[in-house]
Amino acid sequence: MTTDLSAFNTGAYKAGPKWKVLSWYFVNYYIMNSAFPWPYGFKSGLLRLFGAKVGKGLVIKTKVRIKNPWRLTVGDHCWIGESVWIDNLEDVHIGSHVCVSQGALLLTGNHDYTQADFPYRLGKIRLEDGVWIGAESIVCPGVSCGTHSILTVKSVATKDLEPWQIYAGNPAAFVRKRTMKTNV
């Protein structure tokens, strides 16, 4: 058996109504993925309009790409940095006080290379409260990042990250426990 990309199918993936997908394409391209610094509240409102569940205080920088906002949940007081790509063919849940740094990729799908028609393999992503995804890092399909875990710069999370732990590398491995100083 060989790969036959002419037989590709999307497997279980369904984008949504064509009108919604097409409308979002223009909003995503001209506003979300724009270098123009549109107000955060305006971008949050557009995400809500397209079905995202967005908490208060979202900071969403320029050049952000979001595939399907109707599959996105974002808690309160989150930061989404420049050039972040949320490629959410499946649901992405971002808790409160989460930082997704510049150039990071939340990737909910890849391909099943064991099948000739190369269908999508999908997996939800969950970032619990207080998580920090470092710049240019990748969170792979089906990964959950436990509360206050950290994925350091240019690391790749292929498996779940445990709460209050720091991970680095490709694939990401445990480095040490995360501690926080108290403000006195």
N, C-alpha and C. Protein backbone atom coordinates (compact mmCIF):
# COMPACT_ATOMS: atom_id res chain seq x y z
N MET A 1 0.84 -1.19 0.00
CA MET A 1 0.00 0.00 0.00
C MET A 1 0.88 1.24 0.00
N THR A 2 0.49 2.26 -0.76
CA THR A 2 1.19 3.53 -0.79
C THR A 2 0.23 4.65 -0.46
N THR A 3 0.78 5.79 -0.10
CA THR A 3 -0.05 6.97 0.16
C THR A 3 -0.69 7.43 -1.13
N ASP A 4 -1.99 7.75 -1.07
CA ASP A 4 -2.73 8.23 -2.22
C ASP A 4 -3.45 9.52 -1.82
N LEU A 5 -2.78 10.66 -1.97
CA LEU A 5 -3.36 11.93 -1.54
C LEU A 5 -4.59 12.33 -2.36
N SER A 6 -4.76 11.75 -3.54
CA SER A 6 -5.96 12.05 -4.32
C SER A 6 -7.21 11.48 -3.65
N ALA A 7 -7.03 10.54 -2.74
CA ALA A 7 -8.15 9.93 -2.01
C ALA A 7 -8.36 10.54 -0.63
N PHE A 8 -7.63 11.64 -0.32
CA PHE A 8 -7.72 12.27 1.00
C PHE A 8 -9.16 12.52 1.41
N ASN A 9 -9.42 12.27 2.70
CA ASN A 9 -10.71 12.66 3.27
C ASN A 9 -10.46 13.28 4.63
N THR A 10 -11.41 14.03 5.09
CA THR A 10 -11.23 14.76 6.35
C THR A 10 -11.56 13.92 7.58
N GLY A 11 -11.90 12.65 7.38
CA GLY A 11 -12.22 11.81 8.53
C GLY A 11 -13.41 12.38 9.29
N ALA A 12 -13.29 12.50 10.62
CA ALA A 12 -14.37 12.97 11.47
C ALA A 12 -14.50 14.50 11.47
N TYR A 13 -13.57 15.21 10.85
CA TYR A 13 -13.58 16.68 10.88
C TYR A 13 -14.69 17.26 10.02
N LYS A 14 -15.47 18.13 10.64
CA LYS A 14 -16.49 18.91 9.94
C LYS A 14 -16.27 20.36 10.33
N ALA A 15 -15.97 21.21 9.35
CA ALA A 15 -15.62 22.60 9.62
C ALA A 15 -16.77 23.40 10.22
N GLY A 16 -17.95 23.23 9.69
CA GLY A 16 -19.10 24.02 10.11
C GLY A 16 -19.85 24.48 8.87
N PRO A 17 -20.90 25.27 9.05
CA PRO A 17 -21.66 25.76 7.89
C PRO A 17 -20.76 26.58 6.96
N LYS A 18 -20.92 26.38 5.67
CA LYS A 18 -20.04 27.05 4.69
C LYS A 18 -20.08 28.56 4.82
N TRP A 19 -21.26 29.14 5.08
CA TRP A 19 -21.37 30.59 5.22
C TRP A 19 -20.52 31.10 6.38
N LYS A 20 -20.52 30.32 7.48
CA LYS A 20 -19.78 30.71 8.67
C LYS A 20 -18.28 30.60 8.43
N VAL A 21 -17.87 29.50 7.82
CA VAL A 21 -16.46 29.28 7.52
C VAL A 21 -15.94 30.39 6.59
N LEU A 22 -16.70 30.71 5.55
CA LEU A 22 -16.29 31.74 4.60
C LEU A 22 -16.26 33.12 5.25
N SER A 23 -17.28 33.44 6.03
CA SER A 23 -17.31 34.73 6.73
C SER A 23 -16.12 34.87 7.67
N TRP A 24 -15.85 33.80 8.43
CA TRP A 24 -14.74 33.84 9.36
C TRP A 24 -13.41 33.99 8.63
N TYR A 25 -13.29 33.38 7.47
CA TYR A 25 -12.05 33.49 6.70
C TYR A 25 -11.67 34.96 6.51
N PHE A 26 -12.62 35.80 6.12
CA PHE A 26 -12.33 37.22 5.88
C PHE A 26 -12.04 37.96 7.18
N VAL A 27 -12.80 37.70 8.23
CA VAL A 27 -12.55 38.33 9.53
C VAL A 27 -11.18 37.92 10.06
N ASN A 28 -10.88 36.64 9.96
CA ASN A 28 -9.60 36.14 10.46
C ASN A 28 -8.44 36.78 9.70
N TYR A 29 -8.56 36.86 8.38
CA TYR A 29 -7.48 37.37 7.55
C TYR A 29 -7.28 38.88 7.72
N TYR A 30 -8.38 39.64 7.67
CA TYR A 30 -8.26 41.09 7.66
C TYR A 30 -8.21 41.74 9.04
N ILE A 31 -8.64 41.03 10.07
CA ILE A 31 -8.64 41.63 11.41
C ILE A 31 -7.73 40.86 12.37
N MET A 32 -8.02 39.58 12.59
CA MET A 32 -7.25 38.81 13.58
C MET A 32 -5.79 38.63 13.15
N ASN A 33 -5.57 38.29 11.89
CA ASN A 33 -4.22 38.01 11.38
C ASN A 33 -3.57 39.25 10.79
N SER A 34 -4.12 40.40 11.09
CA SER A 34 -3.61 41.67 10.58
C SER A 34 -2.50 42.20 11.48
N ALA A 35 -1.61 42.99 10.89
CA ALA A 35 -0.57 43.67 11.67
C ALA A 35 -1.13 44.93 12.33
N PHE A 36 -2.33 45.35 11.91
CA PHE A 36 -2.96 46.53 12.52
C PHE A 36 -3.38 46.20 13.94
N PRO A 37 -3.10 47.06 14.90
CA PRO A 37 -3.44 46.76 16.31
C PRO A 37 -4.90 47.05 16.65
N TRP A 38 -5.81 46.22 16.14
CA TRP A 38 -7.23 46.37 16.47
C TRP A 38 -7.40 46.26 17.98
N PRO A 39 -8.36 46.98 18.57
CA PRO A 39 -8.57 46.91 20.03
C PRO A 39 -8.91 45.47 20.48
N TYR A 40 -8.39 45.10 21.63
CA TYR A 40 -8.62 43.75 22.17
C TYR A 40 -10.10 43.45 22.33
N GLY A 41 -10.85 44.41 22.84
CA GLY A 41 -12.28 44.21 23.05
C GLY A 41 -13.03 43.97 21.74
N PHE A 42 -12.60 44.64 20.68
CA PHE A 42 -13.20 44.45 19.36
C PHE A 42 -12.95 43.02 18.88
N LYS A 43 -11.72 42.55 19.03
CA LYS A 43 -11.39 41.19 18.59
C LYS A 43 -12.11 40.15 19.45
N SER A 44 -12.20 40.40 20.75
CA SER A 44 -12.94 39.49 21.63
C SER A 44 -14.41 39.41 21.21
N GLY A 45 -14.99 40.56 20.87
CA GLY A 45 -16.38 40.61 20.42
C GLY A 45 -16.59 39.82 19.12
N LEU A 46 -15.64 39.93 18.20
CA LEU A 46 -15.75 39.16 16.95
C LEU A 46 -15.67 37.66 17.23
N LEU A 47 -14.77 37.26 18.13
CA LEU A 47 -14.68 35.84 18.48
C LEU A 47 -16.01 35.36 19.05
N ARG A 48 -16.61 36.15 19.93
CA ARG A 48 -17.91 35.78 20.51
C ARG A 48 -18.99 35.70 19.43
N LEU A 49 -18.97 36.66 18.51
CA LEU A 49 -19.95 36.68 17.42
C LEU A 49 -19.90 35.40 16.60
N PHE A 50 -18.70 34.81 16.47
CA PHE A 50 -18.54 33.58 15.70
C PHE A 50 -18.59 32.33 16.57
N GLY A 51 -19.03 32.47 17.82
CA GLY A 51 -19.31 31.30 18.65
C GLY A 51 -18.27 30.93 19.69
N ALA A 52 -17.18 31.69 19.79
CA ALA A 52 -16.19 31.41 20.84
C ALA A 52 -16.76 31.82 22.19
N LYS A 53 -16.36 31.11 23.22
CA LYS A 53 -16.70 31.49 24.59
C LYS A 53 -15.46 32.19 25.14
N VAL A 54 -15.56 33.51 25.37
CA VAL A 54 -14.41 34.31 25.75
C VAL A 54 -14.72 35.03 27.06
N GLY A 55 -13.85 34.88 28.04
CA GLY A 55 -14.00 35.56 29.32
C GLY A 55 -13.58 37.02 29.22
N LYS A 56 -13.50 37.66 30.37
CA LYS A 56 -13.14 39.08 30.39
C LYS A 56 -11.61 39.25 30.38
N GLY A 57 -11.18 40.40 29.87
CA GLY A 57 -9.78 40.78 29.94
C GLY A 57 -8.85 40.07 28.98
N LEU A 58 -9.35 39.58 27.85
CA LEU A 58 -8.49 38.90 26.88
C LEU A 58 -7.59 39.91 26.18
N VAL A 59 -6.29 39.66 26.21
CA VAL A 59 -5.31 40.42 25.45
C VAL A 59 -4.94 39.55 24.26
N ILE A 60 -5.29 40.01 23.05
CA ILE A 60 -5.02 39.23 21.86
C ILE A 60 -4.27 40.12 20.88
N LYS A 61 -3.00 39.82 20.72
CA LYS A 61 -2.10 40.66 19.93
C LYS A 61 -2.33 40.53 18.43
N THR A 62 -1.45 41.10 17.64
CA THR A 62 -1.56 41.10 16.19
C THR A 62 -1.11 39.78 15.58
N LYS A 63 -1.54 39.55 14.33
CA LYS A 63 -1.10 38.41 13.52
C LYS A 63 -1.49 37.07 14.13
N VAL A 64 -2.61 37.01 14.86
CA VAL A 64 -3.11 35.76 15.45
C VAL A 64 -4.02 35.07 14.44
N ARG A 65 -3.83 33.76 14.27
CA ARG A 65 -4.69 32.99 13.37
C ARG A 65 -5.48 31.98 14.19
N ILE A 66 -6.78 31.95 13.96
CA ILE A 66 -7.66 31.01 14.65
C ILE A 66 -8.50 30.32 13.58
N LYS A 67 -8.42 29.01 13.50
CA LYS A 67 -9.10 28.26 12.44
C LYS A 67 -10.62 28.31 12.60
N ASN A 68 -11.13 27.89 13.76
CA ASN A 68 -12.57 27.77 13.98
C ASN A 68 -12.94 28.34 15.35
N PRO A 69 -13.33 29.62 15.43
CA PRO A 69 -13.62 30.19 16.75
C PRO A 69 -14.76 29.49 17.47
N TRP A 70 -15.66 28.86 16.75
CA TRP A 70 -16.77 28.14 17.38
C TRP A 70 -16.29 26.90 18.13
N ARG A 71 -15.01 26.59 18.03
CA ARG A 71 -14.41 25.48 18.79
C ARG A 71 -13.39 25.99 19.81
N LEU A 72 -13.59 27.23 20.28
CA LEU A 72 -12.62 27.86 21.18
C LEU A 72 -13.30 28.37 22.43
N THR A 73 -12.70 28.05 23.59
CA THR A 73 -13.11 28.59 24.87
C THR A 73 -11.89 29.22 25.52
N VAL A 74 -12.03 30.48 25.97
CA VAL A 74 -10.92 31.20 26.61
C VAL A 74 -11.45 31.77 27.92
N GLY A 75 -10.74 31.53 29.01
CA GLY A 75 -11.14 32.04 30.32
C GLY A 75 -10.83 33.52 30.49
N ASP A 76 -10.80 33.97 31.73
CA ASP A 76 -10.56 35.38 32.06
C ASP A 76 -9.07 35.71 32.09
N HIS A 77 -8.77 36.93 31.68
CA HIS A 77 -7.42 37.53 31.80
C HIS A 77 -6.34 36.67 31.16
N CYS A 78 -6.56 36.29 29.91
CA CYS A 78 -5.56 35.52 29.16
C CYS A 78 -4.83 36.42 28.19
N TRP A 79 -3.61 36.01 27.86
CA TRP A 79 -2.79 36.71 26.86
C TRP A 79 -2.52 35.76 25.71
N ILE A 80 -2.81 36.23 24.50
CA ILE A 80 -2.46 35.49 23.29
C ILE A 80 -1.52 36.38 22.49
N GLY A 81 -0.27 35.95 22.36
CA GLY A 81 0.79 36.77 21.79
C GLY A 81 0.78 36.85 20.28
N GLU A 82 1.67 37.71 19.76
CA GLU A 82 1.80 37.91 18.32
C GLU A 82 2.06 36.60 17.61
N SER A 83 1.43 36.45 16.46
CA SER A 83 1.66 35.32 15.55
C SER A 83 1.33 33.95 16.14
N VAL A 84 0.47 33.91 17.14
CA VAL A 84 -0.01 32.63 17.66
C VAL A 84 -0.94 32.02 16.62
N TRP A 85 -0.87 30.70 16.47
CA TRP A 85 -1.77 30.01 15.55
C TRP A 85 -2.53 28.95 16.34
N ILE A 86 -3.84 29.13 16.43
CA ILE A 86 -4.72 28.16 17.07
C ILE A 86 -5.39 27.40 15.93
N ASP A 87 -4.80 26.27 15.57
CA ASP A 87 -5.28 25.46 14.45
C ASP A 87 -6.27 24.44 15.00
N ASN A 88 -7.45 24.95 15.38
CA ASN A 88 -8.41 24.13 16.12
C ASN A 88 -9.44 23.47 15.21
N LEU A 89 -9.02 22.37 14.64
CA LEU A 89 -9.95 21.50 13.92
C LEU A 89 -10.84 20.78 14.93
N GLU A 90 -10.40 20.76 16.17
CA GLU A 90 -11.10 20.15 17.30
C GLU A 90 -11.16 21.22 18.40
N ASP A 91 -11.87 20.95 19.50
CA ASP A 91 -12.03 21.93 20.57
C ASP A 91 -10.71 22.27 21.25
N VAL A 92 -10.55 23.57 21.55
CA VAL A 92 -9.43 24.07 22.36
C VAL A 92 -10.03 24.82 23.53
N HIS A 93 -9.64 24.41 24.74
CA HIS A 93 -10.08 25.06 25.97
C HIS A 93 -8.87 25.70 26.63
N ILE A 94 -8.95 27.02 26.82
CA ILE A 94 -7.89 27.77 27.48
C ILE A 94 -8.49 28.31 28.77
N GLY A 95 -7.91 27.93 29.90
CA GLY A 95 -8.42 28.37 31.19
C GLY A 95 -8.15 29.85 31.44
N SER A 96 -8.26 30.28 32.68
CA SER A 96 -8.02 31.67 33.05
C SER A 96 -6.56 31.90 33.38
N HIS A 97 -6.11 33.13 33.16
CA HIS A 97 -4.74 33.56 33.47
C HIS A 97 -3.69 32.72 32.73
N VAL A 98 -4.00 32.39 31.49
CA VAL A 98 -3.10 31.59 30.64
C VAL A 98 -2.37 32.53 29.68
N CYS A 99 -1.09 32.27 29.48
CA CYS A 99 -0.29 33.03 28.53
C CYS A 99 0.17 32.09 27.41
N VAL A 100 -0.24 32.40 26.18
CA VAL A 100 0.23 31.68 25.00
C VAL A 100 1.14 32.67 24.27
N SER A 101 2.45 32.46 24.37
CA SER A 101 3.42 33.43 23.88
C SER A 101 3.55 33.44 22.38
N GLN A 102 4.23 34.47 21.88
CA GLN A 102 4.34 34.74 20.46
C GLN A 102 4.86 33.54 19.66
N GLY A 103 4.18 33.31 18.54
CA GLY A 103 4.59 32.26 17.62
C GLY A 103 4.24 30.85 18.04
N ALA A 104 3.52 30.69 19.15
CA ALA A 104 3.15 29.35 19.60
C ALA A 104 2.07 28.77 18.67
N LEU A 105 2.01 27.44 18.63
CA LEU A 105 1.04 26.73 17.79
C LEU A 105 0.28 25.72 18.64
N LEU A 106 -1.04 25.87 18.67
CA LEU A 106 -1.91 24.88 19.30
C LEU A 106 -2.49 24.06 18.16
N LEU A 107 -2.06 22.83 18.02
CA LEU A 107 -2.32 22.00 16.85
C LEU A 107 -3.22 20.83 17.21
N THR A 108 -4.48 20.86 16.78
CA THR A 108 -5.43 19.82 17.17
C THR A 108 -5.56 18.69 16.16
N GLY A 109 -4.85 18.79 15.05
CA GLY A 109 -4.97 17.73 14.05
C GLY A 109 -3.67 17.46 13.32
N ASN A 110 -3.52 16.23 12.92
CA ASN A 110 -2.45 15.83 12.00
C ASN A 110 -3.04 14.75 11.10
N HIS A 111 -2.23 13.94 10.48
CA HIS A 111 -2.74 12.95 9.54
C HIS A 111 -2.41 11.53 9.98
N ASP A 112 -3.30 10.60 9.66
CA ASP A 112 -3.07 9.19 9.93
C ASP A 112 -2.26 8.61 8.78
N TYR A 113 -0.95 8.54 9.00
CA TYR A 113 -0.03 8.08 7.96
C TYR A 113 -0.12 6.57 7.72
N THR A 114 -0.90 5.85 8.55
CA THR A 114 -1.04 4.41 8.36
C THR A 114 -2.12 4.07 7.33
N GLN A 115 -2.86 5.09 6.89
CA GLN A 115 -3.92 4.86 5.91
C GLN A 115 -3.57 5.55 4.59
N ALA A 116 -3.87 4.91 3.50
CA ALA A 116 -3.52 5.42 2.17
C ALA A 116 -4.15 6.77 1.88
N ASP A 117 -5.37 7.02 2.39
CA ASP A 117 -6.06 8.28 2.09
C ASP A 117 -5.68 9.41 3.04
N PHE A 118 -4.76 9.18 3.99
CA PHE A 118 -4.14 10.22 4.83
C PHE A 118 -5.17 11.07 5.58
N PRO A 119 -6.21 10.45 6.21
CA PRO A 119 -7.26 11.26 6.86
C PRO A 119 -6.72 11.99 8.10
N TYR A 120 -7.47 13.01 8.51
CA TYR A 120 -7.11 13.72 9.74
C TYR A 120 -7.21 12.81 10.95
N ARG A 121 -6.33 13.02 11.92
CA ARG A 121 -6.44 12.48 13.28
C ARG A 121 -6.57 13.70 14.17
N LEU A 122 -7.61 13.77 14.95
CA LEU A 122 -7.91 14.95 15.74
C LEU A 122 -7.80 14.68 17.23
N GLY A 123 -7.48 15.71 17.99
CA GLY A 123 -7.43 15.61 19.44
C GLY A 123 -7.63 16.97 20.08
N LYS A 124 -8.47 17.03 21.09
CA LYS A 124 -8.73 18.29 21.80
C LYS A 124 -7.50 18.72 22.58
N ILE A 125 -7.37 20.03 22.79
CA ILE A 125 -6.30 20.59 23.61
C ILE A 125 -6.93 21.31 24.78
N ARG A 126 -6.34 21.12 25.96
CA ARG A 126 -6.82 21.79 27.17
C ARG A 126 -5.63 22.42 27.88
N LEU A 127 -5.70 23.74 28.07
CA LEU A 127 -4.71 24.48 28.86
C LEU A 127 -5.42 24.95 30.12
N GLU A 128 -5.07 24.37 31.25
CA GLU A 128 -5.75 24.72 32.50
C GLU A 128 -5.26 26.07 33.02
N ASP A 129 -5.90 26.57 34.07
CA ASP A 129 -5.58 27.88 34.64
C ASP A 129 -4.09 28.02 34.92
N GLY A 130 -3.55 29.22 34.61
CA GLY A 130 -2.18 29.56 34.95
C GLY A 130 -1.10 28.97 34.07
N VAL A 131 -1.45 28.30 32.99
CA VAL A 131 -0.47 27.68 32.10
C VAL A 131 0.25 28.77 31.31
N TRP A 132 1.53 28.51 31.03
CA TRP A 132 2.31 29.40 30.17
C TRP A 132 2.92 28.55 29.06
N ILE A 133 2.53 28.86 27.82
CA ILE A 133 3.09 28.20 26.64
C ILE A 133 4.12 29.17 26.07
N GLY A 134 5.39 28.77 26.07
CA GLY A 134 6.49 29.63 25.66
C GLY A 134 6.48 29.93 24.17
N ALA A 135 7.24 30.96 23.81
CA ALA A 135 7.33 31.42 22.43
C ALA A 135 7.76 30.30 21.49
N GLU A 136 7.08 30.21 20.35
CA GLU A 136 7.37 29.26 19.28
C GLU A 136 7.30 27.80 19.73
N SER A 137 6.52 27.54 20.76
CA SER A 137 6.29 26.17 21.21
C SER A 137 5.09 25.58 20.51
N ILE A 138 4.98 24.26 20.55
CA ILE A 138 3.87 23.56 19.91
C ILE A 138 3.20 22.64 20.94
N VAL A 139 1.88 22.72 21.00
CA VAL A 139 1.08 21.78 21.78
C VAL A 139 0.36 20.90 20.77
N CYS A 140 0.62 19.60 20.83
CA CYS A 140 0.12 18.65 19.84
C CYS A 140 -1.30 18.17 20.17
N PRO A 141 -1.95 17.52 19.19
CA PRO A 141 -3.33 17.06 19.39
C PRO A 141 -3.49 16.15 20.61
N GLY A 142 -4.58 16.39 21.35
CA GLY A 142 -4.91 15.53 22.48
C GLY A 142 -4.17 15.83 23.77
N VAL A 143 -3.37 16.89 23.80
CA VAL A 143 -2.55 17.20 24.98
C VAL A 143 -3.31 18.11 25.94
N SER A 144 -3.20 17.80 27.22
CA SER A 144 -3.70 18.66 28.30
C SER A 144 -2.51 19.16 29.09
N CYS A 145 -2.52 20.45 29.37
CA CYS A 145 -1.47 21.07 30.18
C CYS A 145 -2.08 21.40 31.53
N GLY A 146 -1.60 20.71 32.57
CA GLY A 146 -2.13 20.87 33.92
C GLY A 146 -1.92 22.26 34.46
N THR A 147 -2.71 22.61 35.47
CA THR A 147 -2.69 23.95 36.04
C THR A 147 -1.27 24.43 36.36
N HIS A 148 -0.96 25.64 35.91
CA HIS A 148 0.30 26.32 36.17
C HIS A 148 1.54 25.60 35.61
N SER A 149 1.34 24.69 34.67
CA SER A 149 2.50 24.07 34.02
C SER A 149 3.08 25.07 33.01
N ILE A 150 4.36 24.85 32.66
CA ILE A 150 5.06 25.71 31.70
C ILE A 150 5.69 24.84 30.63
N LEU A 151 5.49 25.25 29.38
CA LEU A 151 6.17 24.65 28.24
C LEU A 151 7.14 25.73 27.75
N THR A 152 8.44 25.47 27.87
CA THR A 152 9.42 26.52 27.59
C THR A 152 9.58 26.78 26.09
N VAL A 153 10.31 27.84 25.78
CA VAL A 153 10.51 28.32 24.41
C VAL A 153 10.92 27.20 23.46
N LYS A 154 10.25 27.14 22.30
CA LYS A 154 10.53 26.21 21.21
C LYS A 154 10.44 24.74 21.60
N SER A 155 9.63 24.44 22.59
CA SER A 155 9.43 23.06 23.01
C SER A 155 8.19 22.47 22.36
N VAL A 156 8.08 21.14 22.36
CA VAL A 156 6.96 20.46 21.72
C VAL A 156 6.32 19.50 22.73
N ALA A 157 5.07 19.80 23.10
CA ALA A 157 4.33 18.95 24.04
C ALA A 157 3.58 17.89 23.25
N THR A 158 4.07 16.66 23.33
CA THR A 158 3.42 15.53 22.65
C THR A 158 2.59 14.71 23.63
N LYS A 159 2.78 14.94 24.93
CA LYS A 159 2.04 14.25 25.99
C LYS A 159 1.61 15.26 27.02
N ASP A 160 0.67 14.86 27.88
CA ASP A 160 0.14 15.75 28.91
C ASP A 160 1.26 16.29 29.80
N LEU A 161 1.09 17.57 30.22
CA LEU A 161 2.00 18.20 31.16
C LEU A 161 1.34 18.19 32.54
N GLU A 162 2.08 17.76 33.53
CA GLU A 162 1.55 17.68 34.90
C GLU A 162 1.48 19.07 35.53
N PRO A 163 0.52 19.28 36.45
CA PRO A 163 0.38 20.58 37.12
C PRO A 163 1.66 21.01 37.83
N TRP A 164 1.92 22.30 37.80
CA TRP A 164 3.02 22.94 38.53
C TRP A 164 4.40 22.36 38.16
N GLN A 165 4.54 21.96 36.89
CA GLN A 165 5.83 21.45 36.43
C GLN A 165 6.26 22.19 35.17
N ILE A 166 7.57 22.25 34.95
CA ILE A 166 8.16 22.93 33.81
C ILE A 166 8.73 21.88 32.87
N TYR A 167 8.45 22.05 31.57
CA TYR A 167 8.87 21.10 30.54
C TYR A 167 9.65 21.84 29.46
N ALA A 168 10.63 21.15 28.87
CA ALA A 168 11.44 21.73 27.80
C ALA A 168 11.86 20.65 26.82
N GLY A 169 12.12 21.07 25.58
CA GLY A 169 12.68 20.17 24.57
C GLY A 169 11.68 19.65 23.58
N ASN A 170 12.19 18.79 22.69
CA ASN A 170 11.38 18.16 21.64
C ASN A 170 11.76 16.69 21.55
N PRO A 171 10.90 15.81 22.09
CA PRO A 171 9.64 16.10 22.78
C PRO A 171 9.91 16.67 24.18
N ALA A 172 8.95 17.44 24.66
CA ALA A 172 9.12 18.10 25.96
C ALA A 172 9.26 17.07 27.08
N ALA A 173 10.22 17.33 27.96
CA ALA A 173 10.48 16.48 29.12
C ALA A 173 10.47 17.34 30.38
N PHE A 174 10.15 16.71 31.49
CA PHE A 174 10.13 17.40 32.79
C PHE A 174 11.51 17.97 33.10
N VAL A 175 11.53 19.23 33.56
CA VAL A 175 12.77 19.88 33.95
C VAL A 175 12.83 20.06 35.47
N ARG A 176 11.78 20.66 36.01
CA ARG A 176 11.71 20.88 37.47
C ARG A 176 10.30 21.31 37.84
N LYS A 177 10.05 21.37 39.12
CA LYS A 177 8.77 21.87 39.62
C LYS A 177 8.71 23.39 39.49
N ARG A 178 7.52 23.91 39.30
CA ARG A 178 7.33 25.36 39.25
C ARG A 178 6.98 25.84 40.64
N THR A 179 7.67 26.88 41.09
CA THR A 179 7.35 27.49 42.37
C THR A 179 7.06 28.96 42.12
N MET A 180 6.29 29.56 42.99
CA MET A 180 5.97 30.98 42.87
C MET A 180 6.26 31.67 44.19
N LYS A 181 6.89 32.82 44.09
CA LYS A 181 7.18 33.63 45.27
C LYS A 181 5.93 34.38 45.67
N THR A 182 5.78 34.62 46.94
CA THR A 182 4.65 35.42 47.41
C THR A 182 5.04 36.88 47.39
N ASN A 183 4.09 37.74 47.06
CA ASN A 183 4.34 39.18 47.08
C ASN A 183 4.10 39.69 48.48
N VAL A 184 5.15 40.22 49.10
CA VAL A 184 5.03 40.71 50.47
C VAL A 184 5.11 42.20 50.50
